[in-house]
Amino acid sequence: MTAVVQARPAIATGRPTTAPGADVRPGIRRLGLRKPVPLAAGSGIALLLAVWAAGSATGLVDPRVLSAPWTVVTTAVDLAVDGNLLENLGVSLARAAQGLLWGVLVGVVLALLSGLSRVGEALLDGPIQVKRAVPNLALLPLLILWFGIGEEMKVITIALGVFIPVYIHTHNGLRSIDKRYVELAETLRLSRRQFVTRVVLPGALPGFLLGLRFAVTGSLLALVVVEQVNGTAGIGYMMELARTYGQTEVIVVGLVVYGVLGYTADWSVRLLQRRALTWRRTLED
């Protein structure tokens, strides 16, 4: 008996109907971030300024509550011309820089001692976590009793607000290093010094830079507090003096200066982060 073979549709047999060699893979849907938006960094600030200006121009914002942008600009120019703004700004920058330097140094040293040693962690991590739970404002009366109201107290207060985020994120970066790198270092018979310089420090760098971003902001937050407590110079002192005389525009000038300093410092650390971590591929890339 001769078998009669009937032709079946290609779809029934599961065979492709496309021509040989054609690419039949489905389109890949990209799940990452889209291309960077031009001028994205300043668009949000520009929108905020536009809303502020519109509210002031239409009278929706009472100038006694919040001065108009053009009033703030003219006031800032007047303060800069007579030297009051620049003098106070120089004092504030010097305080913030000293506190930031000491805070970062202490935070890194303590993170290394605690992150690379079980004994160090047992002795240091607990007290530091307790300090983390106590705000600097609560310590201010005690710091004034210990160090007075001079520059030493102000720098120490700023340093206390800085070293906590540096310690936390650097310590986490140390403990988050992949165990396989440690095993590789042991296989290559690296010395303790080589292990620290070639594995530990590069592995902890992302955590340190993240902590540094929080630290620069923390230094400005502490700066605001110390300059408004028995201060004789600085942007905070200028704002406190303006509050006494009801000069809203001067207070807003001080707030704008703090905002510009914070944004510039954070942008600088982010730029450093981008340059130092070129080997790392992230969602932002």
Protein backbone atom coordinates (compact mmCIF):
# COMPACT_ATOMS: atom_id res chain seq x y z
CA MET A 1 0.00 0.00 0.00
CA THR A 2 1.33 3.33 -0.98
CA ALA A 3 1.26 5.85 1.84
CA VAL A 4 -0.26 9.14 0.91
CA VAL A 5 1.45 11.99 2.67
CA GLN A 6 -0.61 15.13 2.91
CA ALA A 7 1.13 18.46 3.11
CA ARG A 8 0.67 20.21 6.44
CA PRO A 9 0.91 23.90 7.10
CA ALA A 10 4.23 25.02 8.46
CA ILE A 11 2.53 26.55 11.50
CA ALA A 12 1.18 23.13 12.49
CA THR A 13 4.59 21.51 12.43
CA GLY A 14 6.19 24.34 14.35
CA ARG A 15 8.54 25.14 11.49
CA PRO A 16 9.37 28.78 10.77
CA THR A 17 7.71 30.35 7.76
CA THR A 18 10.40 32.99 7.26
CA ALA A 19 13.20 32.78 4.77
CA PRO A 20 16.42 31.03 5.82
CA GLY A 21 18.91 33.31 7.50
CA ALA A 22 16.34 35.89 8.57
CA ASP A 23 16.53 37.27 12.14
CA VAL A 24 13.35 36.18 13.91
CA ARG A 25 14.32 37.26 17.42
CA PRO A 26 11.80 39.53 19.10
CA GLY A 27 12.77 43.16 19.61
CA ILE A 28 14.66 43.74 22.84
CA ARG A 29 12.90 46.18 25.12
CA ARG A 30 15.34 48.44 26.92
CA LEU A 31 14.54 48.65 30.61
CA GLY A 32 17.25 51.08 31.70
CA LEU A 33 17.14 54.84 31.90
CA ARG A 34 16.69 56.84 28.73
CA LYS A 35 19.24 59.28 27.38
CA PRO A 36 20.13 62.20 29.69
CA VAL A 37 17.83 65.18 29.43
CA PRO A 38 19.68 68.31 28.25
CA LEU A 39 20.19 70.85 31.06
CA ALA A 40 18.43 68.46 33.45
CA ALA A 41 20.44 69.65 36.45
CA GLY A 42 19.12 73.20 36.23
CA SER A 43 15.60 72.59 34.91
CA GLY A 44 14.07 71.90 38.32
CA ILE A 45 15.76 74.95 39.85
CA ALA A 46 14.63 77.12 36.93
CA LEU A 47 11.04 75.92 37.39
CA LEU A 48 11.19 76.71 41.11
CA LEU A 49 12.50 80.22 40.39
CA ALA A 50 9.78 80.76 37.78
CA VAL A 51 7.04 79.79 40.24
CA TRP A 52 8.59 82.05 42.89
CA ALA A 53 8.80 84.98 40.46
CA ALA A 54 5.24 84.44 39.21
CA GLY A 55 3.88 84.29 42.75
CA SER A 56 5.69 87.49 43.71
CA ALA A 57 4.64 89.34 40.54
CA THR A 58 0.97 88.43 40.91
CA GLY A 59 0.87 89.20 44.63
CA LEU A 60 0.12 85.63 45.68
CA VAL A 61 3.30 85.64 47.77
CA ASP A 62 3.36 88.29 50.49
CA PRO A 63 6.74 90.10 50.41
CA ARG A 64 6.69 90.20 54.21
CA VAL A 65 6.67 86.40 54.19
CA LEU A 66 8.97 85.77 51.22
CA SER A 67 10.78 88.55 49.38
CA ALA A 68 10.60 88.69 45.58
CA PRO A 69 13.54 87.25 43.61
CA TRP A 70 14.55 90.65 42.23
CA THR A 71 14.55 92.11 45.75
CA VAL A 72 16.80 89.27 46.91
CA VAL A 73 19.19 89.87 43.99
CA THR A 74 19.47 93.61 44.65
CA THR A 75 19.97 92.96 48.37
CA ALA A 76 22.70 90.41 47.63
CA VAL A 77 24.45 92.91 45.34
CA ASP A 78 24.28 95.61 48.01
CA LEU A 79 25.67 93.24 50.66
CA ALA A 80 28.45 92.16 48.31
CA VAL A 81 29.39 95.74 47.44
CA ASP A 82 29.73 96.84 51.06
CA GLY A 83 31.75 93.67 51.82
CA ASN A 84 29.36 92.27 54.43
CA LEU A 85 28.32 89.22 52.39
CA LEU A 86 31.81 88.26 51.24
CA GLU A 87 33.30 88.63 54.71
CA ASN A 88 30.66 86.42 56.32
CA LEU A 89 30.87 83.94 53.45
CA GLY A 90 34.61 83.58 53.93
CA VAL A 91 34.17 82.86 57.63
CA SER A 92 31.48 80.25 56.92
CA LEU A 93 33.55 78.51 54.25
CA ALA A 94 36.58 78.31 56.54
CA ARG A 95 34.50 76.77 59.34
CA ALA A 96 32.80 74.26 57.04
CA ALA A 97 36.11 73.26 55.41
CA GLN A 98 37.85 72.66 58.75
CA GLY A 99 34.95 70.65 60.15
CA LEU A 100 34.63 68.65 56.93
CA LEU A 101 38.35 67.85 56.84
CA TRP A 102 38.50 66.62 60.43
CA GLY A 103 35.20 64.76 60.17
CA VAL A 104 36.22 62.90 57.01
CA LEU A 105 39.62 62.01 58.48
CA VAL A 106 38.13 60.67 61.73
CA GLY A 107 35.35 58.83 59.89
CA VAL A 108 37.73 57.05 57.52
CA VAL A 109 40.17 56.03 60.26
CA LEU A 110 37.40 54.67 62.50
CA ALA A 111 35.80 52.86 59.55
CA LEU A 112 39.09 51.15 58.71
CA LEU A 113 39.69 50.14 62.33
CA SER A 114 36.16 48.80 62.70
CA GLY A 115 35.74 47.37 59.20
CA LEU A 116 39.00 45.41 59.09
CA SER A 117 39.04 44.09 62.64
CA ARG A 118 36.47 42.21 64.70
CA VAL A 119 37.99 43.67 67.87
CA GLY A 120 37.82 47.17 66.44
CA GLU A 121 34.20 46.68 65.49
CA ALA A 122 33.35 45.42 68.97
CA LEU A 123 34.97 48.46 70.60
CA LEU A 124 33.99 51.21 68.15
CA ASP A 125 30.79 50.40 66.31
CA GLY A 126 28.49 50.44 69.36
CA PRO A 127 29.49 53.89 70.66
CA ILE A 128 29.36 55.33 67.13
CA GLN A 129 25.84 53.98 66.61
CA VAL A 130 24.84 55.57 69.92
CA LYS A 131 26.27 58.90 68.74
CA ARG A 132 24.41 58.46 65.47
CA ALA A 133 21.13 58.35 67.41
CA VAL A 134 21.96 61.54 69.35
CA PRO A 135 21.51 64.73 67.27
CA ASN A 136 24.21 67.38 67.39
CA LEU A 137 21.69 69.93 68.60
CA ALA A 138 21.26 67.90 71.80
CA LEU A 139 25.03 67.89 72.33
CA LEU A 140 25.41 71.63 71.74
CA PRO A 141 24.91 72.74 75.39
CA LEU A 142 27.53 70.24 76.52
CA LEU A 143 29.96 71.27 73.79
CA ILE A 144 29.54 74.93 74.79
CA LEU A 145 30.35 74.04 78.43
CA TRP A 146 33.43 72.08 77.35
CA PHE A 147 34.86 74.31 74.61
CA GLY A 148 33.12 77.67 75.05
CA ILE A 149 31.51 79.59 72.18
CA GLY A 150 34.63 80.11 70.09
CA GLU A 151 35.74 78.61 66.81
CA GLU A 152 36.86 75.34 68.40
CA MET A 153 33.32 74.46 69.47
CA LYS A 154 31.94 75.31 66.05
CA VAL A 155 34.50 73.21 64.15
CA ILE A 156 34.02 70.24 66.49
CA THR A 157 30.23 70.42 66.07
CA ILE A 158 30.58 70.39 62.28
CA ALA A 159 33.07 67.49 62.44
CA LEU A 160 30.62 65.48 64.59
CA GLY A 161 27.97 65.93 61.92
CA VAL A 162 30.38 64.84 59.18
CA PHE A 163 32.16 61.76 60.50
CA ILE A 164 28.98 59.69 61.07
CA PRO A 165 27.92 59.36 57.38
CA VAL A 166 31.54 58.87 56.30
CA TYR A 167 31.99 56.10 58.87
CA ILE A 168 28.66 54.37 58.11
CA HIS A 169 29.07 54.21 54.34
CA THR A 170 32.81 53.47 54.34
CA HIS A 171 32.31 50.69 56.88
CA ASN A 172 29.49 49.26 54.78
CA GLY A 173 31.68 49.46 51.67
CA LEU A 174 34.43 47.53 53.44
CA ARG A 175 32.10 44.80 54.64
CA SER A 176 30.37 44.55 51.23
CA ILE A 177 33.54 43.57 49.32
CA ASP A 178 32.97 40.32 47.45
CA LYS A 179 34.42 37.33 49.28
CA ARG A 180 35.82 36.03 46.01
CA TYR A 181 38.25 38.94 45.83
CA VAL A 182 39.53 38.02 49.29
CA GLU A 183 40.00 34.41 48.21
CA LEU A 184 41.78 35.57 45.05
CA ALA A 185 44.13 37.73 47.13
CA GLU A 186 44.88 34.73 49.33
CA THR A 187 45.55 32.58 46.27
CA LEU A 188 47.96 35.19 44.89
CA ARG A 189 49.60 35.35 48.33
CA LEU A 190 49.24 39.11 48.66
CA SER A 191 50.63 40.68 51.80
CA ARG A 192 48.37 42.49 54.25
CA ARG A 193 49.48 45.83 52.87
CA GLN A 194 48.91 44.77 49.26
CA PHE A 195 45.49 43.37 50.20
CA VAL A 196 44.48 46.70 51.75
CA THR A 197 45.78 48.89 48.92
CA ARG A 198 44.69 46.72 45.98
CA VAL A 199 41.46 45.17 47.21
CA VAL A 200 40.10 46.87 50.31
CA LEU A 201 40.51 50.55 49.45
CA PRO A 202 39.23 50.30 45.82
CA GLY A 203 36.33 48.14 47.03
CA ALA A 204 35.37 50.64 49.74
CA LEU A 205 35.72 53.70 47.47
CA PRO A 206 32.07 53.74 46.25
CA GLY A 207 30.83 53.65 49.84
CA PHE A 208 33.25 56.38 50.92
CA LEU A 209 32.19 58.70 48.09
CA LEU A 210 28.53 58.15 48.91
CA GLY A 211 29.27 58.99 52.53
CA LEU A 212 31.15 62.08 51.38
CA ARG A 213 28.03 63.33 49.60
CA PHE A 214 26.09 63.10 52.84
CA ALA A 215 29.03 64.61 54.73
CA VAL A 216 29.22 67.84 52.71
CA THR A 217 25.50 68.37 53.26
CA GLY A 218 25.88 67.53 56.95
CA SER A 219 28.65 70.08 57.31
CA LEU A 220 26.36 72.83 56.05
CA LEU A 221 23.49 71.72 58.30
CA ALA A 222 25.79 71.86 61.33
CA LEU A 223 27.16 75.19 60.11
CA VAL A 224 23.69 76.73 60.16
CA VAL A 225 23.22 75.64 63.77
CA VAL A 226 26.56 76.79 65.18
CA GLU A 227 26.50 80.15 63.41
CA GLN A 228 23.14 81.06 64.90
CA VAL A 229 24.22 80.21 68.45
CA ASN A 230 26.34 82.99 69.97
CA GLY A 231 27.99 83.68 66.63
CA THR A 232 29.81 86.90 65.76
CA ALA A 233 30.40 86.28 62.05
CA GLY A 234 29.23 84.02 59.24
CA ILE A 235 26.18 83.65 57.03
CA GLY A 236 24.14 82.21 59.90
CA TYR A 237 25.04 85.16 62.11
CA MET A 238 24.03 87.53 59.31
CA MET A 239 20.66 85.78 59.04
CA GLU A 240 20.11 85.85 62.81
CA LEU A 241 20.89 89.57 62.89
CA ALA A 242 18.47 90.14 60.02
CA ARG A 243 15.76 88.26 61.92
CA THR A 244 16.16 90.68 64.81
CA TYR A 245 15.52 93.65 62.52
CA GLY A 246 12.85 91.93 60.42
CA GLN A 247 14.90 91.96 57.19
CA THR A 248 13.28 89.11 55.30
CA GLU A 249 15.28 89.76 52.13
CA VAL A 250 18.60 89.32 53.97
CA ILE A 251 17.40 86.03 55.47
CA VAL A 252 16.46 84.77 52.01
CA VAL A 253 19.87 85.82 50.70
CA GLY A 254 21.46 83.66 53.40
CA LEU A 255 19.22 80.73 52.49
CA VAL A 256 20.14 81.08 48.83
CA VAL A 257 23.84 81.16 49.71
CA TYR A 258 23.48 77.97 51.77
CA GLY A 259 21.56 76.33 48.93
CA VAL A 260 24.18 77.29 46.33
CA LEU A 261 27.00 76.04 48.57
CA GLY A 262 25.23 72.73 49.19
CA TYR A 263 24.37 72.17 45.54
CA THR A 264 27.88 73.07 44.37
CA ALA A 265 29.52 70.79 46.95
CA ASP A 266 27.24 67.87 46.08
CA TRP A 267 27.81 68.38 42.35
CA SER A 268 31.58 68.42 42.92
CA VAL A 269 31.47 65.12 44.83
CA ARG A 270 29.27 63.55 42.15
CA LEU A 271 31.75 64.65 39.49
CA LEU A 272 34.58 63.14 41.54
CA GLN A 273 32.52 59.97 41.92
CA ARG A 274 32.03 59.75 38.17
CA ARG A 275 35.73 60.22 37.48
CA ALA A 276 36.98 57.86 40.19
CA LEU A 277 34.57 55.01 39.43
CA THR A 278 34.91 54.79 35.67
CA TRP A 279 35.43 51.02 36.00
CA ARG A 280 31.92 50.52 37.39
CA ARG A 281 28.90 50.09 35.11
CA THR A 282 25.64 51.29 36.66
CA LEU A 283 22.08 52.10 35.65
CA GLU A 284 23.07 55.74 35.17
CA ASP A 285 25.52 54.74 32.44
